[in-house]
Amino acid sequence: MVREKIFMQYRQEVPYACQVNVASYIVRPTSKDFIEIEIVVEKEPQKIILIGKEGKALKILATAARLDIEDFLQKQVYLEIKVKVKPNWRQDVDLLKRFGYSGAIRPY
């Protein structure tokens, strides 16, 4: 759902260079479930675009994603999103495996 919101909000600026991972999901019976999301990009300018001026773009993204997640889960959640830069992550075999991709990397 977070990746979908990235595509909708940023259009062609960033989405294809993003990887979205659920870093943790903690069920808390007496309060909102805690979900930590990690967005991985290849370059610092992509991170700056995702966060936006004073964090406003990331806040809009997080709010839209949180509302969809809450609708899907039928419960309230606390959603924390972090944006990280990992240069050339799409060419790193170990990172691709960690992110759930398998198979050989084909050269451009």
PDB file of N, CA and C in Angstrom:
ATOM      1  N   MET A   1       0.822  -1.189   0.000  1.00  0.00           N
ATOM      2  CA  MET A   1       0.000   0.000   0.000  1.00  0.00           C
ATOM      3  C   MET A   1       0.872   1.260   0.000  1.00  0.00           C
ATOM      4  N   VAL A   2       2.012   1.173   0.679  1.00  0.00           N
ATOM      5  CA  VAL A   2       2.917   2.325   0.687  1.00  0.00           C
ATOM      6  C   VAL A   2       3.481   2.549  -0.709  1.00  0.00           C
ATOM      7  N   ARG A   3       3.880   1.461  -1.363  1.00  0.00           N
ATOM      8  CA  ARG A   3       4.427   1.594  -2.713  1.00  0.00           C
ATOM      9  C   ARG A   3       3.385   2.176  -3.674  1.00  0.00           C
ATOM     10  N   GLU A   4       2.152   1.743  -3.540  1.00  0.00           N
ATOM     11  CA  GLU A   4       1.074   2.289  -4.370  1.00  0.00           C
ATOM     12  C   GLU A   4       0.956   3.801  -4.170  1.00  0.00           C
ATOM     13  N   LYS A   5       1.039   4.240  -2.923  1.00  0.00           N
ATOM     14  CA  LYS A   5       0.937   5.673  -2.636  1.00  0.00           C
ATOM     15  C   LYS A   5       2.134   6.436  -3.209  1.00  0.00           C
ATOM     16  N   ILE A   6       3.303   5.811  -3.223  1.00  0.00           N
ATOM     17  CA  ILE A   6       4.474   6.450  -3.834  1.00  0.00           C
ATOM     18  C   ILE A   6       4.209   6.682  -5.319  1.00  0.00           C
ATOM     19  N   PHE A   7       3.697   5.660  -6.007  1.00  0.00           N
ATOM     20  CA  PHE A   7       3.404   5.800  -7.437  1.00  0.00           C
ATOM     21  C   PHE A   7       2.353   6.884  -7.677  1.00  0.00           C
ATOM     22  N   MET A   8       1.346   6.936  -6.831  1.00  0.00           N
ATOM     23  CA  MET A   8       0.279   7.911  -7.028  1.00  0.00           C
ATOM     24  C   MET A   8       0.745   9.333  -6.725  1.00  0.00           C
ATOM     25  N   GLN A   9       1.557   9.495  -5.698  1.00  0.00           N
ATOM     26  CA  GLN A   9       1.947  10.838  -5.267  1.00  0.00           C
ATOM     27  C   GLN A   9       3.103  11.421  -6.069  1.00  0.00           C
ATOM     28  N   TYR A  10       4.052  10.581  -6.458  1.00  0.00           N
ATOM     29  CA  TYR A  10       5.272  11.109  -7.063  1.00  0.00           C
ATOM     30  C   TYR A  10       5.342  10.904  -8.568  1.00  0.00           C
ATOM     31  N   ARG A  11       4.432  10.135  -9.118  1.00  0.00           N
ATOM     32  CA  ARG A  11       4.382   9.874 -10.557  1.00  0.00           C
ATOM     33  C   ARG A  11       5.717   9.368 -11.085  1.00  0.00           C
ATOM     34  N   GLN A  12       6.397  10.140 -11.948  1.00  0.00           N
ATOM     35  CA  GLN A  12       7.620   9.660 -12.597  1.00  0.00           C
ATOM     36  C   GLN A  12       8.894  10.122 -11.902  1.00  0.00           C
ATOM     37  N   GLU A  13       8.791  10.868 -10.829  1.00  0.00           N
ATOM     38  CA  GLU A  13       9.984  11.419 -10.201  1.00  0.00           C
ATOM     39  C   GLU A  13      10.860  10.362  -9.525  1.00  0.00           C
ATOM     40  N   VAL A  14      10.266   9.416  -8.808  1.00  0.00           N
ATOM     41  CA  VAL A  14      11.049   8.514  -7.960  1.00  0.00           C
ATOM     42  C   VAL A  14      10.656   7.039  -8.015  1.00  0.00           C
ATOM     43  N   PRO A  15       9.414   6.669  -8.220  1.00  0.00           N
ATOM     44  CA  PRO A  15       8.911   5.337  -7.878  1.00  0.00           C
ATOM     45  C   PRO A  15       9.714   4.128  -8.341  1.00  0.00           C
ATOM     46  N   TYR A  16      10.280   4.176  -9.518  1.00  0.00           N
ATOM     47  CA  TYR A  16      10.923   2.972 -10.038  1.00  0.00           C
ATOM     48  C   TYR A  16      12.230   2.654  -9.336  1.00  0.00           C
ATOM     49  N   ALA A  17      12.769   3.582  -8.595  1.00  0.00           N
ATOM     50  CA  ALA A  17      14.021   3.360  -7.875  1.00  0.00           C
ATOM     51  C   ALA A  17      13.760   3.107  -6.391  1.00  0.00           C
ATOM     52  N   CYS A  18      12.518   2.797  -6.017  1.00  0.00           N
ATOM     53  CA  CYS A  18      12.153   2.595  -4.617  1.00  0.00           C
ATOM     54  C   CYS A  18      11.885   1.131  -4.303  1.00  0.00           C
ATOM     55  N   GLN A  19      12.322   0.729  -3.138  1.00  0.00           N
ATOM     56  CA  GLN A  19      11.978  -0.570  -2.576  1.00  0.00           C
ATOM     57  C   GLN A  19      11.311  -0.293  -1.235  1.00  0.00           C
ATOM     58  N   VAL A  20      10.176  -0.899  -0.989  1.00  0.00           N
ATOM     59  CA  VAL A  20       9.457  -0.700   0.263  1.00  0.00           C
ATOM     60  C   VAL A  20       9.499  -1.994   1.064  1.00  0.00           C
ATOM     61  N   ASN A  21      10.001  -1.905   2.297  1.00  0.00           N
ATOM     62  CA  ASN A  21      10.113  -3.075   3.176  1.00  0.00           C
ATOM     63  C   ASN A  21       9.382  -2.816   4.484  1.00  0.00           C
ATOM     64  N   VAL A  22       8.754  -3.842   5.004  1.00  0.00           N
ATOM     65  CA  VAL A  22       8.216  -3.766   6.357  1.00  0.00           C
ATOM     66  C   VAL A  22       9.356  -4.167   7.280  1.00  0.00           C
ATOM     67  N   ALA A  23       9.906  -3.184   7.992  1.00  0.00           N
ATOM     68  CA  ALA A  23      11.037  -3.449   8.882  1.00  0.00           C
ATOM     69  C   ALA A  23      10.574  -4.138  10.157  1.00  0.00           C
ATOM     70  N   SER A  24       9.389  -3.773  10.648  1.00  0.00           N
ATOM     71  CA  SER A  24       8.832  -4.466  11.815  1.00  0.00           C
ATOM     72  C   SER A  24       7.329  -4.237  11.891  1.00  0.00           C
ATOM     73  N   TYR A  25       6.676  -5.210  12.475  1.00  0.00           N
ATOM     74  CA  TYR A  25       5.240  -5.131  12.731  1.00  0.00           C
ATOM     75  C   TYR A  25       5.040  -5.701  14.126  1.00  0.00           C
ATOM     76  N   ILE A  26       4.606  -4.848  15.028  1.00  0.00           N
ATOM     77  CA  ILE A  26       4.422  -5.276  16.416  1.00  0.00           C
ATOM     78  C   ILE A  26       2.953  -5.136  16.779  1.00  0.00           C
ATOM     79  N   VAL A  27       2.344  -6.267  17.133  1.00  0.00           N
ATOM     80  CA  VAL A  27       0.956  -6.269  17.575  1.00  0.00           C
ATOM     81  C   VAL A  27       0.948  -5.871  19.046  1.00  0.00           C
ATOM     82  N   ARG A  28       0.189  -4.826  19.350  1.00  0.00           N
ATOM     83  CA  ARG A  28       0.104  -4.356  20.728  1.00  0.00           C
ATOM     84  C   ARG A  28      -1.360  -4.407  21.162  1.00  0.00           C
ATOM     85  N   PRO A  29      -1.700  -5.378  21.997  1.00  0.00           N
ATOM     86  CA  PRO A  29      -3.106  -5.586  22.373  1.00  0.00           C
ATOM     87  C   PRO A  29      -3.770  -4.392  23.055  1.00  0.00           C
ATOM     88  N   THR A  30      -2.996  -3.585  23.785  1.00  0.00           N
ATOM     89  CA  THR A  30      -3.607  -2.481  24.528  1.00  0.00           C
ATOM     90  C   THR A  30      -3.472  -1.132  23.835  1.00  0.00           C
ATOM     91  N   SER A  31      -2.830  -1.108  22.664  1.00  0.00           N
ATOM     92  CA  SER A  31      -2.723   0.145  21.912  1.00  0.00           C
ATOM     93  C   SER A  31      -2.628  -0.173  20.423  1.00  0.00           C
ATOM     94  N   LYS A  32      -2.393   0.846  19.619  1.00  0.00           N
ATOM     95  CA  LYS A  32      -2.296   0.659  18.173  1.00  0.00           C
ATOM     96  C   LYS A  32      -1.125  -0.256  17.820  1.00  0.00           C
ATOM     97  N   ASP A  33      -1.328  -1.094  16.811  1.00  0.00           N
ATOM     98  CA  ASP A  33      -0.213  -1.893  16.287  1.00  0.00           C
ATOM     99  C   ASP A  33       0.844  -0.943  15.730  1.00  0.00           C
ATOM    100  N   PHE A  34       2.110  -1.330  15.830  1.00  0.00           N
ATOM    101  CA  PHE A  34       3.221  -0.518  15.361  1.00  0.00           C
ATOM    102  C   PHE A  34       3.782  -1.125  14.080  1.00  0.00           C
ATOM    103  N   ILE A  35       3.828  -0.340  13.015  1.00  0.00           N
ATOM    104  CA  ILE A  35       4.390  -0.792  11.745  1.00  0.00           C
ATOM    105  C   ILE A  35       5.506   0.164  11.353  1.00  0.00           C
ATOM    106  N   GLU A  36       6.694  -0.393  11.139  1.00  0.00           N
ATOM    107  CA  GLU A  36       7.826   0.408  10.678  1.00  0.00           C
ATOM    108  C   GLU A  36       8.123   0.036   9.237  1.00  0.00           C
ATOM    109  N   ILE A  37       8.086   1.026   8.364  1.00  0.00           N
ATOM    110  CA  ILE A  37       8.326   0.841   6.936  1.00  0.00           C
ATOM    111  C   ILE A  37       9.649   1.497   6.560  1.00  0.00           C
ATOM    112  N   GLU A  38      10.396   0.818   5.719  1.00  0.00           N
ATOM    113  CA  GLU A  38      11.662   1.350   5.208  1.00  0.00           C
ATOM    114  C   GLU A  38      11.515   1.514   3.693  1.00  0.00           C
ATOM    115  N   ILE A  39      11.717   2.729   3.217  1.00  0.00           N
ATOM    116  CA  ILE A  39      11.742   2.986   1.780  1.00  0.00           C
ATOM    117  C   ILE A  39      13.205   3.148   1.389  1.00  0.00           C
ATOM    118  N   VAL A  40      13.660   2.320   0.470  1.00  0.00           N
ATOM    119  CA  VAL A  40      15.056   2.358   0.034  1.00  0.00           C
ATOM    120  C   VAL A  40      15.119   2.986  -1.352  1.00  0.00           C
ATOM    121  N   VAL A  41      15.987   3.987  -1.492  1.00  0.00           N
ATOM    122  CA  VAL A  41      16.228   4.631  -2.777  1.00  0.00           C
ATOM    123  C   VAL A  41      17.713   4.565  -3.094  1.00  0.00           C
ATOM    124  N   GLU A  42      18.068   4.870  -4.340  1.00  0.00           N
ATOM    125  CA  GLU A  42      19.460   4.747  -4.764  1.00  0.00           C
ATOM    126  C   GLU A  42      20.274   6.030  -4.585  1.00  0.00           C
ATOM    127  N   LYS A  43      19.608   7.175  -4.551  1.00  0.00           N
ATOM    128  CA  LYS A  43      20.335   8.441  -4.542  1.00  0.00           C
ATOM    129  C   LYS A  43      19.749   9.409  -3.526  1.00  0.00           C
ATOM    130  N   GLU A  44      20.609  10.252  -2.987  1.00  0.00           N
ATOM    131  CA  GLU A  44      20.191  11.263  -2.004  1.00  0.00           C
ATOM    132  C   GLU A  44      19.108  12.196  -2.560  1.00  0.00           C
ATOM    133  N   PRO A  45      19.201  12.650  -3.829  1.00  0.00           N
ATOM    134  CA  PRO A  45      18.126  13.507  -4.351  1.00  0.00           C
ATOM    135  C   PRO A  45      16.751  12.820  -4.348  1.00  0.00           C
ATOM    136  N   GLN A  46      16.729  11.494  -4.532  1.00  0.00           N
ATOM    137  CA  GLN A  46      15.457  10.762  -4.479  1.00  0.00           C
ATOM    138  C   GLN A  46      14.884  10.811  -3.065  1.00  0.00           C
ATOM    139  N   LYS A  47      15.754  10.682  -2.078  1.00  0.00           N
ATOM    140  CA  LYS A  47      15.325  10.766  -0.678  1.00  0.00           C
ATOM    141  C   LYS A  47      14.743  12.138  -0.390  1.00  0.00           C
ATOM    142  N   ILE A  48      15.415  13.169  -0.877  1.00  0.00           N
ATOM    143  CA  ILE A  48      14.959  14.545  -0.656  1.00  0.00           C
ATOM    144  C   ILE A  48      13.581  14.761  -1.283  1.00  0.00           C
ATOM    145  N   ILE A  49      13.367  14.207  -2.479  1.00  0.00           N
ATOM    146  CA  ILE A  49      12.065  14.328  -3.147  1.00  0.00           C
ATOM    147  C   ILE A  49      10.984  13.625  -2.334  1.00  0.00           C
ATOM    148  N   LEU A  50      11.273  12.410  -1.850  1.00  0.00           N
ATOM    149  CA  LEU A  50      10.287  11.657  -1.080  1.00  0.00           C
ATOM    150  C   LEU A  50       9.908  12.386   0.213  1.00  0.00           C
ATOM    151  N   ILE A  51      10.882  12.950   0.881  1.00  0.00           N
ATOM    152  CA  ILE A  51      10.611  13.626   2.150  1.00  0.00           C
ATOM    153  C   ILE A  51       9.922  14.962   1.917  1.00  0.00           C
ATOM    154  N   GLY A  52      10.364  15.695   0.910  1.00  0.00           N
ATOM    155  CA  GLY A  52       9.751  16.976   0.592  1.00  0.00           C
ATOM    156  C   GLY A  52      10.179  18.071   1.553  1.00  0.00           C
ATOM    157  N   LYS A  53       9.762  19.269   1.242  1.00  0.00           N
ATOM    158  CA  LYS A  53      10.111  20.429   2.061  1.00  0.00           C
ATOM    159  C   LYS A  53       9.491  20.292   3.450  1.00  0.00           C
ATOM    160  N   GLU A  54      10.340  20.344   4.457  1.00  0.00           N
ATOM    161  CA  GLU A  54       9.930  20.233   5.856  1.00  0.00           C
ATOM    162  C   GLU A  54       9.186  18.928   6.153  1.00  0.00           C
ATOM    163  N   GLY A  55       9.423  17.885   5.350  1.00  0.00           N
ATOM    164  CA  GLY A  55       8.805  16.585   5.583  1.00  0.00           C
ATOM    165  C   GLY A  55       7.353  16.485   5.175  1.00  0.00           C
ATOM    166  N   LYS A  56       6.855  17.503   4.491  1.00  0.00           N
ATOM    167  CA  LYS A  56       5.428  17.541   4.157  1.00  0.00           C
ATOM    168  C   LYS A  56       5.009  16.437   3.189  1.00  0.00           C
ATOM    169  N   ALA A  57       5.836  16.151   2.188  1.00  0.00           N
ATOM    170  CA  ALA A  57       5.478  15.121   1.203  1.00  0.00           C
ATOM    171  C   ALA A  57       5.421  13.743   1.862  1.00  0.00           C
ATOM    172  N   LEU A  58       6.373  13.467   2.736  1.00  0.00           N
ATOM    173  CA  LEU A  58       6.385  12.173   3.431  1.00  0.00           C
ATOM    174  C   LEU A  58       5.195  12.052   4.372  1.00  0.00           C
ATOM    175  N   LYS A  59       4.806  13.137   4.995  1.00  0.00           N
ATOM    176  CA  LYS A  59       3.650  13.117   5.887  1.00  0.00           C
ATOM    177  C   LYS A  59       2.367  12.803   5.106  1.00  0.00           C
ATOM    178  N   ILE A  60       2.219  13.409   3.943  1.00  0.00           N
ATOM    179  CA  ILE A  60       1.046  13.129   3.101  1.00  0.00           C
ATOM    180  C   ILE A  60       1.036  11.663   2.691  1.00  0.00           C
ATOM    181  N   LEU A  61       2.192  11.160   2.261  1.00  0.00           N
ATOM    182  CA  LEU A  61       2.329   9.757   1.876  1.00  0.00           C
ATOM    183  C   LEU A  61       1.977   8.835   3.041  1.00  0.00           C
ATOM    184  N   ALA A  62       2.551   9.105   4.213  1.00  0.00           N
ATOM    185  CA  ALA A  62       2.339   8.254   5.385  1.00  0.00           C
ATOM    186  C   ALA A  62       0.881   8.255   5.830  1.00  0.00           C
ATOM    187  N   THR A  63       0.247   9.410   5.787  1.00  0.00           N
ATOM    188  CA  THR A  63      -1.157   9.491   6.191  1.00  0.00           C
ATOM    189  C   THR A  63      -2.056   8.697   5.243  1.00  0.00           C
ATOM    190  N   ALA A  64      -1.839   8.860   3.944  1.00  0.00           N
ATOM    191  CA  ALA A  64      -2.640   8.120   2.960  1.00  0.00           C
ATOM    192  C   ALA A  64      -2.434   6.618   3.105  1.00  0.00           C
ATOM    193  N   ALA A  65      -1.179   6.195   3.283  1.00  0.00           N
ATOM    194  CA  ALA A  65      -0.880   4.768   3.443  1.00  0.00           C
ATOM    195  C   ALA A  65      -1.485   4.234   4.738  1.00  0.00           C
ATOM    196  N   ARG A  66      -1.357   4.988   5.816  1.00  0.00           N
ATOM    197  CA  ARG A  66      -1.898   4.548   7.110  1.00  0.00           C
ATOM    198  C   ARG A  66      -3.406   4.338   7.038  1.00  0.00           C
ATOM    199  N   LEU A  67      -4.107   5.262   6.394  1.00  0.00           N
ATOM    200  CA  LEU A  67      -5.560   5.131   6.266  1.00  0.00           C
ATOM    201  C   LEU A  67      -5.934   3.868   5.496  1.00  0.00           C
ATOM    202  N   ASP A  68      -5.222   3.566   4.421  1.00  0.00           N
ATOM    203  CA  ASP A  68      -5.486   2.344   3.653  1.00  0.00           C
ATOM    204  C   ASP A  68      -5.166   1.091   4.469  1.00  0.00           C
ATOM    205  N   ILE A  69      -4.063   1.121   5.197  1.00  0.00           N
ATOM    206  CA  ILE A  69      -3.678  -0.027   6.031  1.00  0.00           C
ATOM    207  C   ILE A  69      -4.725  -0.253   7.118  1.00  0.00           C
ATOM    208  N   GLU A  70      -5.166   0.817   7.747  1.00  0.00           N
ATOM    209  CA  GLU A  70      -6.190   0.683   8.783  1.00  0.00           C
ATOM    210  C   GLU A  70      -7.497   0.139   8.214  1.00  0.00           C
ATOM    211  N   ASP A  71      -7.854   0.580   7.033  1.00  0.00           N
ATOM    212  CA  ASP A  71      -9.057   0.069   6.382  1.00  0.00           C
ATOM    213  C   ASP A  71      -8.915  -1.420   6.083  1.00  0.00           C
ATOM    214  N   PHE A  72      -7.747  -1.822   5.613  1.00  0.00           N
ATOM    215  CA  PHE A  72      -7.492  -3.233   5.286  1.00  0.00           C
ATOM    216  C   PHE A  72      -7.484  -4.106   6.545  1.00  0.00           C
ATOM    217  N   LEU A  73      -6.808  -3.651   7.592  1.00  0.00           N
ATOM    218  CA  LEU A  73      -6.683  -4.436   8.819  1.00  0.00           C
ATOM    219  C   LEU A  73      -7.892  -4.310   9.741  1.00  0.00           C
ATOM    220  N   GLN A  74      -8.712  -3.303   9.490  1.00  0.00           N
ATOM    221  CA  GLN A  74      -9.866  -3.019  10.339  1.00  0.00           C
ATOM    222  C   GLN A  74      -9.453  -2.739  11.788  1.00  0.00           C
ATOM    223  N   LYS A  75      -8.349  -2.003  11.927  1.00  0.00           N
ATOM    224  CA  LYS A  75      -7.871  -1.576  13.240  1.00  0.00           C
ATOM    225  C   LYS A  75      -6.923  -0.413  13.054  1.00  0.00           C
ATOM    226  N   GLN A  76      -6.721   0.353  14.098  1.00  0.00           N
ATOM    227  CA  GLN A  76      -5.812   1.485  14.030  1.00  0.00           C
ATOM    228  C   GLN A  76      -4.363   1.027  14.160  1.00  0.00           C
ATOM    229  N   VAL A  77      -3.477   1.731  13.451  1.00  0.00           N
ATOM    230  CA  VAL A  77      -2.051   1.416  13.505  1.00  0.00           C
ATOM    231  C   VAL A  77      -1.250   2.703  13.664  1.00  0.00           C
ATOM    232  N   TYR A  78      -0.056   2.537  14.214  1.00  0.00           N
ATOM    233  CA  TYR A  78       0.922   3.623  14.225  1.00  0.00           C
ATOM    234  C   TYR A  78       1.918   3.282  13.133  1.00  0.00           C
ATOM    235  N   LEU A  79       2.016   4.124  12.130  1.00  0.00           N
ATOM    236  CA  LEU A  79       2.879   3.864  10.978  1.00  0.00           C
ATOM    237  C   LEU A  79       4.065   4.815  11.005  1.00  0.00           C
ATOM    238  N   GLU A  80       5.255   4.230  11.002  1.00  0.00           N
ATOM    239  CA  GLU A  80       6.484   5.022  10.953  1.00  0.00           C
ATOM    240  C   GLU A  80       7.207   4.679   9.657  1.00  0.00           C
ATOM    241  N   ILE A  81       7.560   5.702   8.891  1.00  0.00           N
ATOM    242  CA  ILE A  81       8.236   5.484   7.612  1.00  0.00           C
ATOM    243  C   ILE A  81       9.604   6.154   7.646  1.00  0.00           C
ATOM    244  N   LYS A  82      10.610   5.383   7.273  1.00  0.00           N
ATOM    245  CA  LYS A  82      11.976   5.896   7.176  1.00  0.00           C
ATOM    246  C   LYS A  82      12.436   5.752   5.735  1.00  0.00           C
ATOM    247  N   VAL A  83      13.168   6.748   5.251  1.00  0.00           N
ATOM    248  CA  VAL A  83      13.714   6.703   3.892  1.00  0.00           C
ATOM    249  C   VAL A  83      15.228   6.550   4.002  1.00  0.00           C
ATOM    250  N   LYS A  84      15.751   5.516   3.335  1.00  0.00           N
ATOM    251  CA  LYS A  84      17.183   5.238   3.384  1.00  0.00           C
ATOM    252  C   LYS A  84      17.775   5.213   1.987  1.00  0.00           C
ATOM    253  N   VAL A  85      19.021   5.644   1.882  1.00  0.00           N
ATOM    254  CA  VAL A  85      19.744   5.616   0.612  1.00  0.00           C
ATOM    255  C   VAL A  85      20.701   4.438   0.626  1.00  0.00           C
ATOM    256  N   LYS A  86      20.550   3.556  -0.362  1.00  0.00           N
ATOM    257  CA  LYS A  86      21.484   2.445  -0.565  1.00  0.00           C
ATOM    258  C   LYS A  86      21.887   2.490  -2.028  1.00  0.00           C
ATOM    259  N   PRO A  87      23.038   3.115  -2.314  1.00  0.00           N
ATOM    260  CA  PRO A  87      23.454   3.293  -3.708  1.00  0.00           C
ATOM    261  C   PRO A  87      23.477   1.977  -4.481  1.00  0.00           C
ATOM    262  N   ASN A  88      22.916   2.019  -5.684  1.00  0.00           N
ATOM    263  CA  ASN A  88      22.905   0.876  -6.610  1.00  0.00           C
ATOM    264  C   ASN A  88      22.311  -0.392  -6.006  1.00  0.00           C
ATOM    265  N   TRP A  89      21.310  -0.260  -5.164  1.00  0.00           N
ATOM    266  CA  TRP A  89      20.730  -1.442  -4.538  1.00  0.00           C
ATOM    267  C   TRP A  89      20.152  -2.413  -5.563  1.00  0.00           C
ATOM    268  N   ARG A  90      19.729  -1.890  -6.710  1.00  0.00           N
ATOM    269  CA  ARG A  90      19.132  -2.773  -7.727  1.00  0.00           C
ATOM    270  C   ARG A  90      20.160  -3.658  -8.415  1.00  0.00           C
ATOM    271  N   GLN A  91      21.441  -3.381  -8.218  1.00  0.00           N
ATOM    272  CA  GLN A  91      22.493  -4.228  -8.788  1.00  0.00           C
ATOM    273  C   GLN A  91      23.189  -5.073  -7.721  1.00  0.00           C
ATOM    274  N   ASP A  92      22.773  -4.971  -6.479  1.00  0.00           N
ATOM    275  CA  ASP A  92      23.384  -5.693  -5.365  1.00  0.00           C
ATOM    276  C   ASP A  92      22.633  -7.014  -5.139  1.00  0.00           C
ATOM    277  N   VAL A  93      23.260  -8.126  -5.507  1.00  0.00           N
ATOM    278  CA  VAL A  93      22.611  -9.442  -5.440  1.00  0.00           C
ATOM    279  C   VAL A  93      22.169  -9.771  -4.011  1.00  0.00           C
ATOM    280  N   ASP A  94      23.006  -9.480  -3.037  1.00  0.00           N
ATOM    281  CA  ASP A  94      22.660  -9.782  -1.647  1.00  0.00           C
ATOM    282  C   ASP A  94      21.451  -8.969  -1.174  1.00  0.00           C
ATOM    283  N   LEU A  95      21.429  -7.693  -1.509  1.00  0.00           N
ATOM    284  CA  LEU A  95      20.275  -6.862  -1.133  1.00  0.00           C
ATOM    285  C   LEU A  95      19.006  -7.323  -1.847  1.00  0.00           C
ATOM    286  N   LEU A  96      19.132  -7.659  -3.115  1.00  0.00           N
ATOM    287  CA  LEU A  96      17.962  -8.138  -3.858  1.00  0.00           C
ATOM    288  C   LEU A  96      17.389  -9.406  -3.221  1.00  0.00           C
ATOM    289  N   LYS A  97      18.252 -10.309  -2.806  1.00  0.00           N
ATOM    290  CA  LYS A  97      17.791 -11.524  -2.131  1.00  0.00           C
ATOM    291  C   LYS A  97      17.129 -11.181  -0.802  1.00  0.00           C
ATOM    292  N   ARG A  98      17.733 -10.245  -0.063  1.00  0.00           N
ATOM    293  CA  ARG A  98      17.163  -9.822   1.216  1.00  0.00           C
ATOM    294  C   ARG A  98      15.787  -9.191   1.029  1.00  0.00           C
ATOM    295  N   PHE A  99      15.602  -8.484  -0.092  1.00  0.00           N
ATOM    296  CA  PHE A  99      14.326  -7.847  -0.385  1.00  0.00           C
ATOM    297  C   PHE A  99      13.307  -8.816  -0.993  1.00  0.00           C
ATOM    298  N   GLY A 100      13.714 -10.070  -1.197  1.00  0.00           N
ATOM    299  CA  GLY A 100      12.784 -11.076  -1.694  1.00  0.00           C
ATOM    300  C   GLY A 100      12.835 -11.338  -3.180  1.00  0.00           C
ATOM    301  N   TYR A 101      13.815 -10.759  -3.868  1.00  0.00           N
ATOM    302  CA  TYR A 101      13.966 -11.012  -5.293  1.00  0.00           C
ATOM    303  C   TYR A 101      14.979 -12.135  -5.469  1.00  0.00           C
ATOM    304  N   SER A 102      14.765 -12.965  -6.470  1.00  0.00           N
ATOM    305  CA  SER A 102      15.738 -14.025  -6.727  1.00  0.00           C
ATOM    306  C   SER A 102      16.023 -14.069  -8.227  1.00  0.00           C
ATOM    307  N   GLY A 103      17.002 -14.869  -8.572  1.00  0.00           N
ATOM    308  CA  GLY A 103      17.361 -14.983  -9.978  1.00  0.00           C
ATOM    309  C   GLY A 103      18.566 -14.142 -10.319  1.00  0.00           C
ATOM    310  N   ALA A 104      19.048 -14.331 -11.522  1.00  0.00           N
ATOM    311  CA  ALA A 104      20.245 -13.631 -11.964  1.00  0.00           C
ATOM    312  C   ALA A 104      19.914 -12.203 -12.378  1.00  0.00           C
ATOM    313  N   ILE A 105      20.876 -11.338 -12.181  1.00  0.00           N
ATOM    314  CA  ILE A 105      20.734  -9.955 -12.620  1.00  0.00           C
ATOM    315  C   ILE A 105      21.218  -9.867 -14.060  1.00  0.00           C
ATOM    316  N   ARG A 106      20.373  -9.324 -14.891  1.00  0.00           N
ATOM    317  CA  ARG A 106      20.760  -9.150 -16.282  1.00  0.00           C
ATOM    318  C   ARG A 106      21.359  -7.776 -16.494  1.00  0.00           C
ATOM    319  N   PRO A 107      22.469  -7.692 -17.234  1.00  0.00           N
ATOM    320  CA  PRO A 107      23.063  -6.375 -17.504  1.00  0.00           C
ATOM    321  C   PRO A 107      22.131  -5.548 -18.388  1.00  0.00           C
ATOM    322  N   TYR A 108      22.291  -4.237 -18.320  1.00  0.00           N
ATOM    323  CA  TYR A 108      21.452  -3.331 -19.113  1.00  0.00           C
ATOM    324  C   TYR A 108      21.681  -3.511 -20.573  1.00  0.00           C
TER     325      TYR A 108
END
